[in-house]
Amino acid sequence: MAEHSHGGHRDRLKTRFEKEGLRDFEPHEVLELLLYYAIPRRDTNPVAHAILERFGTLDRAFDASVEELAEIDGVGRHAATLISMMPRLFQYYARCRFAERPRLDDCDSMGRYFCAQIGLMDTEVFAAAAFDAERRQIAFEIISEGSVVQTEVRLRALVEFALRKRAAMLVLAHNHVHGPLCPSQADRDATRLICRSLGQIGVRVADHIIVAGDGYFSFAMNDIMPID
């Protein structure tokens, strides 16, 4: 009887998703629905609540490691792998969706492009896109990982990247994993130094984009570029 009841609840939740998407789902219901596909014969409601009790929020649960998730009673390694896969799957989807190279003169296109590339990374990275003199994108590369204040390391790597790709222009980007979208003074100082240094080898920095999740801040869009 209990199994029949669980089956009815599953069917109702699936039907609700098919009709409405996840818009009005509670966090535990999202986990319940997801866990159906890794735990086929158990009530996933208590497991979903246990996961949220352990990690506090749905995003933290998705960001947890397979090992951490598997420690929770009732989860198991298959379910832990499925949950841990979610942010990576979305990032892969976003990269595919925005695979088309952005136009240099379209700040919004550039912003969405970098959100897809680095927006969901759980460590801070510094990246760049290289463009030729005809404003066509040549390459994208993650230049370094770590704090934005590590300008000297990044500057050397940027110069090497620009020369290697024979770039005429670069667009810089880095992500704020937990911080706000607005640029810090360190962001502005680093950008100023990079612009001056690359200008000495004939490479123009067209924009610097700060990414946080699916949001972005463009220096150019906010009239900060060129930075003096």
Protein backbone atom coordinates (compact mmCIF):
# COMPACT_ATOMS: atom_id res chain seq x y z
CA MET A 1 0.00 0.00 0.00
CA ALA A 2 2.83 2.39 0.89
CA GLU A 3 4.59 1.63 -2.37
CA HIS A 4 1.37 2.39 -4.27
CA SER A 5 1.04 5.68 -2.37
CA HIS A 6 4.62 6.65 -3.20
CA GLY A 7 4.00 5.78 -6.83
CA GLY A 8 0.96 8.06 -6.93
CA HIS A 9 2.93 10.91 -5.37
CA ARG A 10 5.70 10.42 -7.91
CA ASP A 11 3.25 10.49 -10.79
CA ARG A 12 1.65 13.68 -9.48
CA LEU A 13 5.01 15.40 -9.05
CA LYS A 14 6.13 14.36 -12.53
CA THR A 15 2.86 15.55 -14.07
CA ARG A 16 3.15 18.84 -12.25
CA PHE A 17 6.67 19.34 -13.63
CA GLU A 18 5.55 18.46 -17.16
CA LYS A 19 2.77 21.07 -17.00
CA GLU A 20 4.42 23.85 -14.99
CA GLY A 21 8.17 23.30 -14.91
CA LEU A 22 9.97 23.89 -11.61
CA ARG A 23 8.69 27.42 -11.05
CA ASP A 24 6.57 26.73 -7.94
CA PHE A 25 8.49 23.73 -6.60
CA GLU A 26 9.92 23.83 -3.10
CA PRO A 27 13.62 22.90 -2.81
CA HIS A 28 12.83 19.51 -1.27
CA GLU A 29 10.40 18.77 -4.14
CA VAL A 30 13.13 19.48 -6.70
CA LEU A 31 15.37 16.99 -4.92
CA GLU A 32 12.53 14.48 -4.61
CA LEU A 33 11.89 14.60 -8.34
CA LEU A 34 15.57 14.29 -9.17
CA LEU A 35 16.07 11.38 -6.78
CA TYR A 36 13.27 9.38 -8.43
CA TYR A 37 15.73 8.54 -11.19
CA ALA A 38 18.41 7.19 -8.84
CA ILE A 39 16.23 5.70 -6.08
CA PRO A 40 13.37 3.96 -7.92
CA ARG A 41 11.65 2.06 -5.10
CA ARG A 42 11.84 4.26 -2.01
CA ASP A 43 10.10 7.34 -0.69
CA THR A 44 12.59 10.08 -1.57
CA ASN A 45 10.89 12.76 0.54
CA PRO A 46 12.80 11.94 3.77
CA VAL A 47 16.04 11.68 1.81
CA ALA A 48 15.46 15.09 0.21
CA HIS A 49 14.80 16.65 3.60
CA ALA A 50 17.91 15.00 5.05
CA ILE A 51 20.05 16.46 2.26
CA LEU A 52 18.68 19.97 2.83
CA GLU A 53 19.12 19.61 6.58
CA ARG A 54 22.76 18.72 6.03
CA PHE A 55 23.63 21.44 3.47
CA GLY A 56 21.05 24.12 4.21
CA THR A 57 20.16 25.15 0.65
CA LEU A 58 19.64 23.46 -2.69
CA ASP A 59 22.60 25.18 -4.34
CA ARG A 60 24.95 24.02 -1.57
CA ALA A 61 23.64 20.48 -1.97
CA PHE A 62 24.33 20.62 -5.71
CA ASP A 63 27.83 21.95 -5.02
CA ALA A 64 28.63 19.21 -2.51
CA SER A 65 31.02 16.43 -3.45
CA VAL A 66 29.89 12.90 -4.21
CA GLU A 67 31.61 11.73 -1.02
CA GLU A 68 29.77 14.28 1.16
CA LEU A 69 26.39 13.43 -0.36
CA ALA A 70 26.95 9.68 -0.12
CA GLU A 71 27.46 9.99 3.64
CA ILE A 72 23.78 10.86 4.10
CA ASP A 73 21.60 7.92 5.02
CA GLY A 74 19.54 6.73 2.05
CA VAL A 75 21.42 8.63 -0.63
CA GLY A 76 23.93 6.11 -1.95
CA ARG A 77 26.61 6.69 -4.54
CA HIS A 78 24.34 6.64 -7.62
CA ALA A 79 22.09 9.38 -6.23
CA ALA A 80 25.10 11.33 -4.95
CA THR A 81 26.65 11.28 -8.43
CA LEU A 82 23.39 12.43 -10.03
CA ILE A 83 23.01 15.37 -7.62
CA SER A 84 26.65 16.40 -7.97
CA MET A 85 26.30 16.27 -11.75
CA MET A 86 23.61 18.97 -11.88
CA PRO A 87 25.73 22.18 -11.89
CA ARG A 88 28.25 20.58 -14.24
CA LEU A 89 25.42 19.51 -16.54
CA PHE A 90 23.97 23.02 -16.57
CA GLN A 91 27.39 24.52 -17.29
CA TYR A 92 27.84 22.09 -20.19
CA TYR A 93 24.38 23.02 -21.47
CA ALA A 94 25.16 26.73 -21.21
CA ARG A 95 28.40 26.31 -23.15
CA CYS A 96 26.57 24.46 -25.90
CA ARG A 97 23.79 27.05 -25.98
CA PHE A 98 26.22 29.95 -26.27
CA ALA A 99 28.77 28.16 -28.43
CA GLU A 100 28.46 30.80 -31.13
CA ARG A 101 31.28 33.29 -30.85
CA PRO A 102 30.11 36.68 -29.56
CA ARG A 103 30.55 39.97 -31.37
CA LEU A 104 33.12 42.32 -29.91
CA ASP A 105 30.77 45.30 -30.27
CA ASP A 106 27.93 43.59 -28.36
CA CYS A 107 28.56 43.82 -24.61
CA ASP A 108 25.48 41.76 -23.76
CA SER A 109 26.58 38.96 -26.08
CA MET A 110 30.04 39.02 -24.50
CA GLY A 111 28.55 39.01 -21.00
CA ARG A 112 26.33 36.00 -21.68
CA TYR A 113 29.22 34.22 -23.37
CA PHE A 114 31.46 34.55 -20.32
CA CYS A 115 28.60 33.58 -17.98
CA ALA A 116 28.37 30.32 -19.92
CA GLN A 117 32.12 29.79 -19.81
CA ILE A 118 32.97 30.59 -16.18
CA GLY A 119 29.78 31.59 -14.36
CA LEU A 120 29.29 28.30 -12.51
CA MET A 121 32.88 27.59 -11.60
CA ASP A 122 33.38 27.16 -7.85
CA THR A 123 36.87 28.72 -7.84
CA GLU A 124 37.80 32.19 -9.04
CA VAL A 125 39.31 32.16 -12.52
CA PHE A 126 40.65 34.83 -14.84
CA ALA A 127 39.95 34.36 -18.55
CA ALA A 128 40.35 36.17 -21.84
CA ALA A 129 38.97 36.10 -25.35
CA ALA A 130 41.28 37.14 -28.19
CA PHE A 131 40.16 39.01 -31.32
CA ASP A 132 41.92 39.85 -34.55
CA ALA A 133 42.06 43.25 -36.24
CA GLU A 134 38.77 42.48 -38.02
CA ARG A 135 37.11 42.04 -34.60
CA ARG A 136 36.68 38.27 -35.09
CA GLN A 137 37.22 36.03 -32.08
CA ILE A 138 40.34 33.91 -32.36
CA ALA A 139 40.40 32.04 -29.06
CA PHE A 140 39.17 31.75 -25.49
CA GLU A 141 41.42 30.68 -22.64
CA ILE A 142 41.39 30.48 -18.85
CA ILE A 143 44.53 32.40 -18.02
CA SER A 144 44.89 31.65 -14.30
CA GLU A 145 43.11 30.68 -11.12
CA GLY A 146 43.21 32.47 -7.80
CA SER A 147 42.71 35.96 -6.40
CA VAL A 148 42.31 38.90 -8.74
CA VAL A 149 45.15 40.69 -6.94
CA GLN A 150 47.67 38.25 -8.43
CA THR A 151 48.13 40.66 -11.32
CA GLU A 152 51.78 39.95 -12.12
CA VAL A 153 51.15 36.27 -12.84
CA ARG A 154 48.12 37.09 -14.95
CA LEU A 155 49.83 39.88 -16.84
CA ARG A 156 52.67 37.62 -17.96
CA ALA A 157 50.21 34.91 -19.00
CA LEU A 158 48.04 37.46 -20.83
CA VAL A 159 50.99 38.80 -22.80
CA GLU A 160 51.96 35.26 -23.78
CA PHE A 161 48.37 34.48 -24.77
CA ALA A 162 48.02 37.63 -26.87
CA LEU A 163 51.32 37.07 -28.66
CA ARG A 164 50.67 33.37 -29.20
CA LYS A 165 47.26 34.08 -30.77
CA ARG A 166 48.48 37.22 -32.60
CA ALA A 167 45.59 39.13 -31.04
CA ALA A 168 44.81 42.75 -31.79
CA MET A 169 42.29 43.03 -28.94
CA LEU A 170 41.36 41.15 -25.78
CA VAL A 171 38.26 40.98 -23.61
CA LEU A 172 39.07 40.06 -20.01
CA ALA A 173 36.77 38.27 -17.59
CA HIS A 174 36.83 36.88 -14.09
CA ASN A 175 34.18 35.45 -11.79
CA HIS A 176 33.13 36.44 -8.30
CA VAL A 177 32.25 33.13 -6.67
CA HIS A 178 30.63 34.62 -3.57
CA GLY A 179 31.07 38.35 -3.98
CA PRO A 180 29.02 41.10 -5.64
CA LEU A 181 29.04 41.85 -9.35
CA CYS A 182 30.36 45.40 -9.01
CA PRO A 183 34.12 45.81 -9.53
CA SER A 184 36.33 46.27 -6.49
CA GLN A 185 39.17 48.76 -6.37
CA ALA A 186 41.53 45.82 -6.89
CA ASP A 187 39.61 44.92 -10.07
CA ARG A 188 39.97 48.49 -11.35
CA ASP A 189 43.67 48.72 -10.47
CA ALA A 190 44.43 45.36 -12.08
CA THR A 191 42.53 46.33 -15.23
CA ARG A 192 44.37 49.65 -15.46
CA LEU A 193 47.77 47.94 -15.21
CA ILE A 194 46.81 45.27 -17.76
CA CYS A 195 45.50 47.87 -20.23
CA ARG A 196 48.70 49.90 -20.02
CA SER A 197 50.99 46.88 -20.28
CA LEU A 198 49.19 45.29 -23.23
CA GLY A 199 48.98 48.67 -24.93
CA GLN A 200 52.78 48.71 -25.01
CA ILE A 201 52.75 45.64 -27.30
CA GLY A 202 49.92 46.99 -29.46
CA VAL A 203 47.06 44.98 -27.95
CA ARG A 204 43.91 46.85 -26.88
CA VAL A 205 41.73 45.68 -23.99
CA ALA A 206 38.16 46.22 -25.20
CA ASP A 207 36.31 45.20 -22.04
CA HIS A 208 36.59 43.53 -18.65
CA ILE A 209 33.59 41.46 -17.61
CA ILE A 210 32.86 40.32 -14.07
CA VAL A 211 30.65 37.24 -13.83
CA ALA A 212 28.62 35.88 -10.92
CA GLY A 213 26.42 32.92 -11.81
CA ASP A 214 24.24 34.02 -14.72
CA GLY A 215 24.79 37.74 -14.07
CA TYR A 216 27.59 39.96 -15.32
CA PHE A 217 29.06 43.46 -15.08
CA SER A 218 30.72 44.97 -18.15
CA PHE A 219 33.30 47.74 -17.73
CA ALA A 220 32.57 48.93 -21.29
CA MET A 221 28.79 48.89 -20.83
CA ASN A 222 29.21 51.03 -17.71
CA ASP A 223 31.56 53.51 -19.45
CA ILE A 224 34.62 52.47 -17.43
CA MET A 225 36.60 51.43 -20.53
CA PRO A 226 39.07 52.62 -21.57
CA ILE A 227 40.38 52.84 -18.05
CA ASP A 228 43.02 55.49 -17.33
